[in-house]
Amino acid sequence: MSMNVKTMAEYKSSGEEPEILFWVGCAGSFDERAKKISRAIVKILSHVGMKFAVLGTEESCSGDPAKRGGNEFLFQMQAMNNITTLNTYNVKKIVTGCPHCFNTIKNEYPSLGGNYEVIHHTQLVQQLIDNGQLKVRGGAFKGKKITFHDPCYLGRGNGVYEAPREVIQKLDADLSEMKRSRAKGFCCGAGGAQMFKDAEKGNKEVNLERTEEALALEPAVIATGCPFCMTMMTDGVKHFNKEQQTKVMDVAELIAQDIA
């Protein structure tokens, strides 16, 4: 599938404005696995005929890792550069594929002059399904057991629990919950800049603890909504040699595979 995604600069040069900006994020731009999530989001947006754009080379890191790692100065530099770019293009609505970007732009950019409506891709997909713009067959995953791992910055950080679950249920799947879910969810082990540093002393890696919980349900799919969670849960499934029995997929990938 060829993907011809227009940039904000291209829209501006033609005197148009897109409905929404897709903030791809560092993982969605550079990580090979996360790129597939970005493509799935683009496939969904293109399928419903939504006018959307990306910043392309004008997009920089949201600053989340710098802030979580304690470098407030670097965070503010990155944030201000992004806000200047976003405001230049008069951006009003943003969809992200990453809860870290979602949380940072939604909650931490306003105090620096960046005020936008920011939604996570699972929220957008839910809206598209609810208003009839997007229809899913449900065939590929019908009756299959799927468990959803709540990303910290989506769930406990911003209270978004139902959107990804409602989307999964549209697939006619058997949604099975882990013991620790929703407000009592358990981190994949990558948040708070932990992704970029060595593990601290302990008797078990956090991602293995979480993967064990998921695998105990014997699901066909561990669904995620975050590229960091994707990496950690995938590594966990590989650690337990369960790649053949259990796939780790983003909610956007599940939907993109089952678009009617």
C-alpha atoms as a PDB file:
ATOM      1  CA  MET A   1       0.000   0.000   0.000  1.00  0.00           C
ATOM      2  CA  SER A   2       1.511   3.292  -1.103  1.00  0.00           C
ATOM      3  CA  MET A   3       1.254   6.076   1.424  1.00  0.00           C
ATOM      4  CA  ASN A   4       1.320   9.600   0.145  1.00  0.00           C
ATOM      5  CA  VAL A   5       0.973  11.677   3.299  1.00  0.00           C
ATOM      6  CA  LYS A   6       0.988  15.430   2.880  1.00  0.00           C
ATOM      7  CA  THR A   7       2.938  17.700   5.207  1.00  0.00           C
ATOM      8  CA  MET A   8       1.650  20.822   6.907  1.00  0.00           C
ATOM      9  CA  ALA A   9       3.976  22.823   4.656  1.00  0.00           C
ATOM     10  CA  GLU A  10       2.340  21.322   1.556  1.00  0.00           C
ATOM     11  CA  TYR A  11      -1.130  22.143   2.865  1.00  0.00           C
ATOM     12  CA  LYS A  12      -0.090  25.697   3.638  1.00  0.00           C
ATOM     13  CA  SER A  13       1.437  26.222   0.199  1.00  0.00           C
ATOM     14  CA  SER A  14      -1.887  25.254  -1.367  1.00  0.00           C
ATOM     15  CA  GLY A  15      -3.826  27.541   0.960  1.00  0.00           C
ATOM     16  CA  GLU A  16      -5.579  24.665   2.737  1.00  0.00           C
ATOM     17  CA  GLU A  17      -5.733  23.438   6.313  1.00  0.00           C
ATOM     18  CA  PRO A  18      -6.079  19.765   7.305  1.00  0.00           C
ATOM     19  CA  GLU A  19      -8.683  18.587   9.820  1.00  0.00           C
ATOM     20  CA  ILE A  20      -6.034  17.115  12.068  1.00  0.00           C
ATOM     21  CA  LEU A  21      -2.278  16.846  12.501  1.00  0.00           C
ATOM     22  CA  PHE A  22      -0.863  13.363  13.005  1.00  0.00           C
ATOM     23  CA  TRP A  23       2.003  13.718  15.486  1.00  0.00           C
ATOM     24  CA  VAL A  24       4.100  10.686  14.591  1.00  0.00           C
ATOM     25  CA  GLY A  25       6.608  10.810  17.455  1.00  0.00           C
ATOM     26  CA  CYS A  26      10.198   9.597  17.610  1.00  0.00           C
ATOM     27  CA  ALA A  27       9.337   5.897  17.967  1.00  0.00           C
ATOM     28  CA  GLY A  28       6.714   6.050  15.226  1.00  0.00           C
ATOM     29  CA  SER A  29       9.240   7.724  12.946  1.00  0.00           C
ATOM     30  CA  PHE A  30      12.419   5.755  13.582  1.00  0.00           C
ATOM     31  CA  ASP A  31      11.715   2.455  15.366  1.00  0.00           C
ATOM     32  CA  GLU A  32      11.105  -0.283  12.798  1.00  0.00           C
ATOM     33  CA  ARG A  33       8.340  -1.954  14.806  1.00  0.00           C
ATOM     34  CA  ALA A  34       6.632   1.311  15.726  1.00  0.00           C
ATOM     35  CA  LYS A  35       6.662   2.438  12.083  1.00  0.00           C
ATOM     36  CA  LYS A  36       4.079  -0.283  11.439  1.00  0.00           C
ATOM     37  CA  ILE A  37       1.798   1.356  14.000  1.00  0.00           C
ATOM     38  CA  SER A  38       2.205   4.711  12.210  1.00  0.00           C
ATOM     39  CA  ARG A  39       1.317   3.059   8.897  1.00  0.00           C
ATOM     40  CA  ALA A  40      -1.775   1.497  10.473  1.00  0.00           C
ATOM     41  CA  ILE A  41      -2.935   4.898  11.739  1.00  0.00           C
ATOM     42  CA  VAL A  42      -2.345   6.427   8.303  1.00  0.00           C
ATOM     43  CA  LYS A  43      -4.284   3.576   6.683  1.00  0.00           C
ATOM     44  CA  ILE A  44      -7.262   4.238   8.958  1.00  0.00           C
ATOM     45  CA  LEU A  45      -7.216   8.014   8.417  1.00  0.00           C
ATOM     46  CA  SER A  46      -6.868   7.574   4.658  1.00  0.00           C
ATOM     47  CA  HIS A  47      -9.643   4.964   4.556  1.00  0.00           C
ATOM     48  CA  VAL A  48     -12.195   7.338   6.079  1.00  0.00           C
ATOM     49  CA  GLY A  49     -11.087  10.172   3.820  1.00  0.00           C
ATOM     50  CA  MET A  50      -9.904  12.436   6.625  1.00  0.00           C
ATOM     51  CA  LYS A  51      -7.779  15.414   5.642  1.00  0.00           C
ATOM     52  CA  PHE A  52      -4.689  15.017   7.787  1.00  0.00           C
ATOM     53  CA  ALA A  53      -1.057  16.014   7.655  1.00  0.00           C
ATOM     54  CA  VAL A  54       2.274  15.397   9.349  1.00  0.00           C
ATOM     55  CA  LEU A  55       5.033  17.865  10.131  1.00  0.00           C
ATOM     56  CA  GLY A  56       7.655  15.651   8.494  1.00  0.00           C
ATOM     57  CA  THR A  57      11.174  16.928   9.078  1.00  0.00           C
ATOM     58  CA  GLU A  58       9.773  19.867  11.052  1.00  0.00           C
ATOM     59  CA  GLU A  59       8.633  17.533  13.849  1.00  0.00           C
ATOM     60  CA  SER A  60      11.033  17.154  16.755  1.00  0.00           C
ATOM     61  CA  CYS A  61      10.884  15.075  19.944  1.00  0.00           C
ATOM     62  CA  SER A  62       8.059  16.202  22.232  1.00  0.00           C
ATOM     63  CA  GLY A  63      10.591  16.493  25.061  1.00  0.00           C
ATOM     64  CA  ASP A  64       9.003  13.777  27.211  1.00  0.00           C
ATOM     65  CA  PRO A  65      12.189  11.716  27.755  1.00  0.00           C
ATOM     66  CA  ALA A  66      14.164  14.837  28.693  1.00  0.00           C
ATOM     67  CA  LYS A  67      11.532  15.958  31.212  1.00  0.00           C
ATOM     68  CA  ARG A  68      11.112  12.500  32.780  1.00  0.00           C
ATOM     69  CA  GLY A  69      14.877  12.180  32.971  1.00  0.00           C
ATOM     70  CA  GLY A  70      15.082  15.447  34.911  1.00  0.00           C
ATOM     71  CA  ASN A  71      16.403  17.831  32.242  1.00  0.00           C
ATOM     72  CA  GLU A  72      13.746  20.543  32.396  1.00  0.00           C
ATOM     73  CA  PHE A  73      15.888  22.991  30.407  1.00  0.00           C
ATOM     74  CA  LEU A  74      16.190  20.612  27.450  1.00  0.00           C
ATOM     75  CA  PHE A  75      12.476  19.799  27.661  1.00  0.00           C
ATOM     76  CA  GLN A  76      11.511  23.463  27.464  1.00  0.00           C
ATOM     77  CA  MET A  77      13.846  24.037  24.518  1.00  0.00           C
ATOM     78  CA  GLN A  78      12.291  21.152  22.592  1.00  0.00           C
ATOM     79  CA  ALA A  79       8.768  22.104  23.571  1.00  0.00           C
ATOM     80  CA  MET A  80       9.186  25.763  22.585  1.00  0.00           C
ATOM     81  CA  ASN A  81      10.584  24.813  19.183  1.00  0.00           C
ATOM     82  CA  ASN A  82       7.630  22.506  18.559  1.00  0.00           C
ATOM     83  CA  ILE A  83       5.089  25.026  19.787  1.00  0.00           C
ATOM     84  CA  THR A  84       6.519  27.687  17.485  1.00  0.00           C
ATOM     85  CA  THR A  85       6.166  25.303  14.535  1.00  0.00           C
ATOM     86  CA  LEU A  86       2.646  24.201  15.499  1.00  0.00           C
ATOM     87  CA  ASN A  87       1.447  27.770  16.033  1.00  0.00           C
ATOM     88  CA  THR A  88       2.967  28.879  12.730  1.00  0.00           C
ATOM     89  CA  TYR A  89       0.689  26.367  11.000  1.00  0.00           C
ATOM     90  CA  ASN A  90      -2.306  27.318  13.165  1.00  0.00           C
ATOM     91  CA  VAL A  91      -2.670  23.720  14.348  1.00  0.00           C
ATOM     92  CA  LYS A  92      -5.812  23.150  16.406  1.00  0.00           C
ATOM     93  CA  LYS A  93      -6.229  19.384  16.657  1.00  0.00           C
ATOM     94  CA  ILE A  94      -3.558  16.697  17.071  1.00  0.00           C
ATOM     95  CA  VAL A  95      -3.739  12.905  17.107  1.00  0.00           C
ATOM     96  CA  THR A  96      -0.805  10.936  18.482  1.00  0.00           C
ATOM     97  CA  GLY A  97       0.256   7.314  18.257  1.00  0.00           C
ATOM     98  CA  CYS A  98       2.166   7.595  21.530  1.00  0.00           C
ATOM     99  CA  PRO A  99       0.712   8.247  25.014  1.00  0.00           C
ATOM    100  CA  HIS A 100       3.949   9.990  26.021  1.00  0.00           C
ATOM    101  CA  CYS A 101       3.583  12.581  23.240  1.00  0.00           C
ATOM    102  CA  PHE A 102      -0.164  12.716  23.962  1.00  0.00           C
ATOM    103  CA  ASN A 103       0.377  13.489  27.654  1.00  0.00           C
ATOM    104  CA  THR A 104       3.170  15.992  27.088  1.00  0.00           C
ATOM    105  CA  ILE A 105       1.493  18.027  24.335  1.00  0.00           C
ATOM    106  CA  LYS A 106      -1.919  17.883  26.022  1.00  0.00           C
ATOM    107  CA  ASN A 107      -0.896  18.690  29.590  1.00  0.00           C
ATOM    108  CA  GLU A 108       2.519  20.363  29.523  1.00  0.00           C
ATOM    109  CA  TYR A 109       2.556  22.464  26.355  1.00  0.00           C
ATOM    110  CA  PRO A 110      -0.310  24.823  27.385  1.00  0.00           C
ATOM    111  CA  SER A 111       1.773  26.550  30.072  1.00  0.00           C
ATOM    112  CA  LEU A 112       4.375  27.274  27.381  1.00  0.00           C
ATOM    113  CA  GLY A 113       1.887  28.705  24.893  1.00  0.00           C
ATOM    114  CA  GLY A 114       0.838  25.560  23.062  1.00  0.00           C
ATOM    115  CA  ASN A 115      -2.920  25.043  23.319  1.00  0.00           C
ATOM    116  CA  TYR A 116      -4.340  22.254  21.180  1.00  0.00           C
ATOM    117  CA  GLU A 117      -7.026  19.604  21.242  1.00  0.00           C
ATOM    118  CA  VAL A 118      -4.974  16.429  21.628  1.00  0.00           C
ATOM    119  CA  ILE A 119      -6.360  12.915  21.308  1.00  0.00           C
ATOM    120  CA  HIS A 120      -4.829   9.453  21.312  1.00  0.00           C
ATOM    121  CA  HIS A 121      -5.324   7.339  18.220  1.00  0.00           C
ATOM    122  CA  THR A 122      -7.575   4.871  20.050  1.00  0.00           C
ATOM    123  CA  GLN A 123      -9.904   7.752  20.946  1.00  0.00           C
ATOM    124  CA  LEU A 124     -10.019   8.894  17.325  1.00  0.00           C
ATOM    125  CA  VAL A 125     -10.726   5.374  16.073  1.00  0.00           C
ATOM    126  CA  GLN A 126     -13.533   5.023  18.622  1.00  0.00           C
ATOM    127  CA  GLN A 127     -15.038   8.318  17.428  1.00  0.00           C
ATOM    128  CA  LEU A 128     -14.818   7.246  13.778  1.00  0.00           C
ATOM    129  CA  ILE A 129     -16.564   3.953  14.554  1.00  0.00           C
ATOM    130  CA  ASP A 130     -19.231   5.589  16.720  1.00  0.00           C
ATOM    131  CA  ASN A 131     -20.180   8.165  14.081  1.00  0.00           C
ATOM    132  CA  GLY A 132     -20.299   5.562  11.326  1.00  0.00           C
ATOM    133  CA  GLN A 133     -17.284   6.757   9.337  1.00  0.00           C
ATOM    134  CA  LEU A 134     -15.319   3.584  10.051  1.00  0.00           C
ATOM    135  CA  LYS A 135     -16.711   0.070   9.844  1.00  0.00           C
ATOM    136  CA  VAL A 136     -14.836  -3.056  10.893  1.00  0.00           C
ATOM    137  CA  ARG A 137     -15.619  -6.616   9.889  1.00  0.00           C
ATOM    138  CA  GLY A 138     -14.396  -8.304  13.043  1.00  0.00           C
ATOM    139  CA  GLY A 139     -13.569 -11.413  11.083  1.00  0.00           C
ATOM    140  CA  ALA A 140      -9.840 -11.821  11.615  1.00  0.00           C
ATOM    141  CA  PHE A 141     -10.101 -11.662  15.409  1.00  0.00           C
ATOM    142  CA  LYS A 142     -13.621 -12.971  15.983  1.00  0.00           C
ATOM    143  CA  GLY A 143     -13.743 -15.022  19.174  1.00  0.00           C
ATOM    144  CA  LYS A 144      -9.998 -14.687  19.760  1.00  0.00           C
ATOM    145  CA  LYS A 145      -8.861 -13.819  23.262  1.00  0.00           C
ATOM    146  CA  ILE A 146      -7.287 -10.369  23.415  1.00  0.00           C
ATOM    147  CA  THR A 147      -5.998  -8.682  26.564  1.00  0.00           C
ATOM    148  CA  PHE A 148      -5.292  -4.958  26.624  1.00  0.00           C
ATOM    149  CA  HIS A 149      -2.300  -3.554  28.479  1.00  0.00           C
ATOM    150  CA  ASP A 150      -3.039  -0.026  29.725  1.00  0.00           C
ATOM    151  CA  PRO A 151      -0.204   2.404  28.912  1.00  0.00           C
ATOM    152  CA  CYS A 152       0.525   4.451  32.046  1.00  0.00           C
ATOM    153  CA  TYR A 153       0.337   7.846  30.350  1.00  0.00           C
ATOM    154  CA  LEU A 154      -2.915   6.959  28.613  1.00  0.00           C
ATOM    155  CA  GLY A 155      -4.702   5.239  31.484  1.00  0.00           C
ATOM    156  CA  ARG A 156      -3.663   6.379  34.930  1.00  0.00           C
ATOM    157  CA  GLY A 157      -2.114   9.559  33.559  1.00  0.00           C
ATOM    158  CA  ASN A 158      -5.133  10.746  31.556  1.00  0.00           C
ATOM    159  CA  GLY A 159      -8.048   8.501  32.458  1.00  0.00           C
ATOM    160  CA  VAL A 160      -8.447   6.974  28.989  1.00  0.00           C
ATOM    161  CA  TYR A 161      -9.526   3.403  29.669  1.00  0.00           C
ATOM    162  CA  GLU A 162     -12.655   2.718  27.651  1.00  0.00           C
ATOM    163  CA  ALA A 163     -11.738   3.917  24.143  1.00  0.00           C
ATOM    164  CA  PRO A 164      -9.195   1.165  23.365  1.00  0.00           C
ATOM    165  CA  ARG A 165     -11.427  -1.490  24.927  1.00  0.00           C
ATOM    166  CA  GLU A 166     -14.519  -0.418  23.011  1.00  0.00           C
ATOM    167  CA  VAL A 167     -12.498  -0.493  19.788  1.00  0.00           C
ATOM    168  CA  ILE A 168     -11.233  -4.022  20.520  1.00  0.00           C
ATOM    169  CA  GLN A 169     -14.757  -5.222  21.250  1.00  0.00           C
ATOM    170  CA  LYS A 170     -15.858  -4.015  17.804  1.00  0.00           C
ATOM    171  CA  LEU A 171     -13.681  -6.834  16.456  1.00  0.00           C
ATOM    172  CA  ASP A 172     -16.009  -9.402  18.073  1.00  0.00           C
ATOM    173  CA  ALA A 173     -13.019 -10.510  20.109  1.00  0.00           C
ATOM    174  CA  ASP A 174     -13.021 -12.017  23.585  1.00  0.00           C
ATOM    175  CA  LEU A 175     -11.613  -9.137  25.640  1.00  0.00           C
ATOM    176  CA  SER A 176     -10.006 -10.629  28.737  1.00  0.00           C
ATOM    177  CA  GLU A 177      -8.672  -8.424  31.532  1.00  0.00           C
ATOM    178  CA  MET A 178      -5.467  -8.892  33.483  1.00  0.00           C
ATOM    179  CA  LYS A 179      -5.691  -8.756  37.280  1.00  0.00           C
ATOM    180  CA  ARG A 180      -4.021  -5.371  37.223  1.00  0.00           C
ATOM    181  CA  SER A 181      -5.841  -3.212  34.686  1.00  0.00           C
ATOM    182  CA  ARG A 182      -7.426   0.199  34.233  1.00  0.00           C
ATOM    183  CA  ALA A 183      -6.710   2.418  37.280  1.00  0.00           C
ATOM    184  CA  LYS A 184      -4.826  -0.451  38.898  1.00  0.00           C
ATOM    185  CA  GLY A 185      -2.761  -1.134  35.800  1.00  0.00           C
ATOM    186  CA  PHE A 186       0.901  -2.084  35.952  1.00  0.00           C
ATOM    187  CA  CYS A 187       3.703  -0.371  34.025  1.00  0.00           C
ATOM    188  CA  CYS A 188       5.465  -2.139  31.152  1.00  0.00           C
ATOM    189  CA  GLY A 189       8.768  -0.916  32.595  1.00  0.00           C
ATOM    190  CA  ALA A 190       9.629   1.756  30.016  1.00  0.00           C
ATOM    191  CA  GLY A 191       7.881   4.898  31.297  1.00  0.00           C
ATOM    192  CA  GLY A 192       9.513   7.797  33.101  1.00  0.00           C
ATOM    193  CA  ALA A 193      12.562   7.572  30.803  1.00  0.00           C
ATOM    194  CA  GLN A 194      13.306   4.050  32.102  1.00  0.00           C
ATOM    195  CA  MET A 195      13.406   2.996  28.442  1.00  0.00           C
ATOM    196  CA  PHE A 196      16.741   4.776  28.082  1.00  0.00           C
ATOM    197  CA  LYS A 197      18.631   3.660  31.170  1.00  0.00           C
ATOM    198  CA  ASP A 198      19.928   0.487  32.743  1.00  0.00           C
ATOM    199  CA  ALA A 199      17.616  -1.431  35.059  1.00  0.00           C
ATOM    200  CA  GLU A 200      17.909  -0.745  38.763  1.00  0.00           C
ATOM    201  CA  LYS A 201      18.634  -3.487  41.292  1.00  0.00           C
ATOM    202  CA  GLY A 202      15.865  -5.988  41.862  1.00  0.00           C
ATOM    203  CA  ASN A 203      14.968  -9.628  41.378  1.00  0.00           C
ATOM    204  CA  LYS A 204      12.885  -9.315  38.195  1.00  0.00           C
ATOM    205  CA  GLU A 205      12.532  -7.032  35.187  1.00  0.00           C
ATOM    206  CA  VAL A 206       9.273  -5.065  35.240  1.00  0.00           C
ATOM    207  CA  ASN A 207       8.349  -6.050  31.680  1.00  0.00           C
ATOM    208  CA  LEU A 208       8.687  -9.756  32.546  1.00  0.00           C
ATOM    209  CA  GLU A 209       6.367  -9.321  35.529  1.00  0.00           C
ATOM    210  CA  ARG A 210       3.784  -7.658  33.299  1.00  0.00           C
ATOM    211  CA  THR A 211       4.184 -10.134  30.446  1.00  0.00           C
ATOM    212  CA  GLU A 212       3.673 -13.033  32.867  1.00  0.00           C
ATOM    213  CA  GLU A 213       0.346 -11.509  33.891  1.00  0.00           C
ATOM    214  CA  ALA A 214      -0.732 -11.236  30.277  1.00  0.00           C
ATOM    215  CA  LEU A 215       0.445 -14.706  29.253  1.00  0.00           C
ATOM    216  CA  ALA A 216      -1.371 -16.279  32.210  1.00  0.00           C
ATOM    217  CA  LEU A 217      -4.599 -15.545  30.307  1.00  0.00           C
ATOM    218  CA  GLU A 218      -3.267 -17.442  27.265  1.00  0.00           C
ATOM    219  CA  PRO A 219      -4.331 -14.684  24.860  1.00  0.00           C
ATOM    220  CA  ALA A 220      -3.988 -14.789  21.094  1.00  0.00           C
ATOM    221  CA  VAL A 221      -3.060 -11.096  21.202  1.00  0.00           C
ATOM    222  CA  ILE A 222      -1.648  -8.712  23.782  1.00  0.00           C
ATOM    223  CA  ALA A 223      -2.973  -5.363  22.574  1.00  0.00           C
ATOM    224  CA  THR A 224      -1.127  -2.136  23.310  1.00  0.00           C
ATOM    225  CA  GLY A 225      -1.589   1.541  22.565  1.00  0.00           C
ATOM    226  CA  CYS A 226       1.999   2.727  23.015  1.00  0.00           C
ATOM    227  CA  PRO A 227       5.252   2.068  21.142  1.00  0.00           C
ATOM    228  CA  PHE A 228       7.194   1.784  24.414  1.00  0.00           C
ATOM    229  CA  CYS A 229       4.740  -0.815  25.734  1.00  0.00           C
ATOM    230  CA  MET A 230       4.991  -2.574  22.380  1.00  0.00           C
ATOM    231  CA  THR A 231       8.756  -2.971  22.771  1.00  0.00           C
ATOM    232  CA  MET A 232       8.624  -4.122  26.387  1.00  0.00           C
ATOM    233  CA  MET A 233       5.766  -6.592  25.947  1.00  0.00           C
ATOM    234  CA  THR A 234       7.279  -7.996  22.759  1.00  0.00           C
ATOM    235  CA  ASP A 235      10.596  -8.543  24.540  1.00  0.00           C
ATOM    236  CA  GLY A 236       8.699 -10.250  27.358  1.00  0.00           C
ATOM    237  CA  VAL A 237       6.858 -12.599  25.006  1.00  0.00           C
ATOM    238  CA  LYS A 238      10.161 -13.483  23.328  1.00  0.00           C
ATOM    239  CA  HIS A 239      11.751 -14.121  26.730  1.00  0.00           C
ATOM    240  CA  PHE A 240       9.098 -16.727  27.492  1.00  0.00           C
ATOM    241  CA  ASN A 241       9.297 -18.190  23.949  1.00  0.00           C
ATOM    242  CA  LYS A 242       5.619 -17.549  23.303  1.00  0.00           C
ATOM    243  CA  GLU A 243       5.879 -15.703  19.961  1.00  0.00           C
ATOM    244  CA  GLN A 244       4.011 -18.460  18.131  1.00  0.00           C
ATOM    245  CA  GLN A 245       1.073 -18.521  20.541  1.00  0.00           C
ATOM    246  CA  THR A 246       0.738 -14.817  21.391  1.00  0.00           C
ATOM    247  CA  LYS A 247       1.183 -11.762  19.174  1.00  0.00           C
ATOM    248  CA  VAL A 248       1.739  -8.240  20.456  1.00  0.00           C
ATOM    249  CA  MET A 249      -0.180  -5.719  18.355  1.00  0.00           C
ATOM    250  CA  ASP A 250      -1.235  -2.098  18.623  1.00  0.00           C
ATOM    251  CA  VAL A 251      -4.969  -1.373  18.623  1.00  0.00           C
ATOM    252  CA  ALA A 252      -4.507   0.579  15.367  1.00  0.00           C
ATOM    253  CA  GLU A 253      -2.967  -2.504  13.736  1.00  0.00           C
ATOM    254  CA  LEU A 254      -5.893  -4.669  14.849  1.00  0.00           C
ATOM    255  CA  ILE A 255      -8.365  -2.233  13.274  1.00  0.00           C
ATOM    256  CA  ALA A 256      -6.328  -1.591  10.112  1.00  0.00           C
ATOM    257  CA  GLN A 257      -6.250  -5.338   9.494  1.00  0.00           C
ATOM    258  CA  ASP A 258     -10.026  -5.595   9.812  1.00  0.00           C
ATOM    259  CA  ILE A 259     -11.315  -2.505   8.002  1.00  0.00           C
ATOM    260  CA  ALA A 260     -14.539  -3.305   6.166  1.00  0.00           C
END
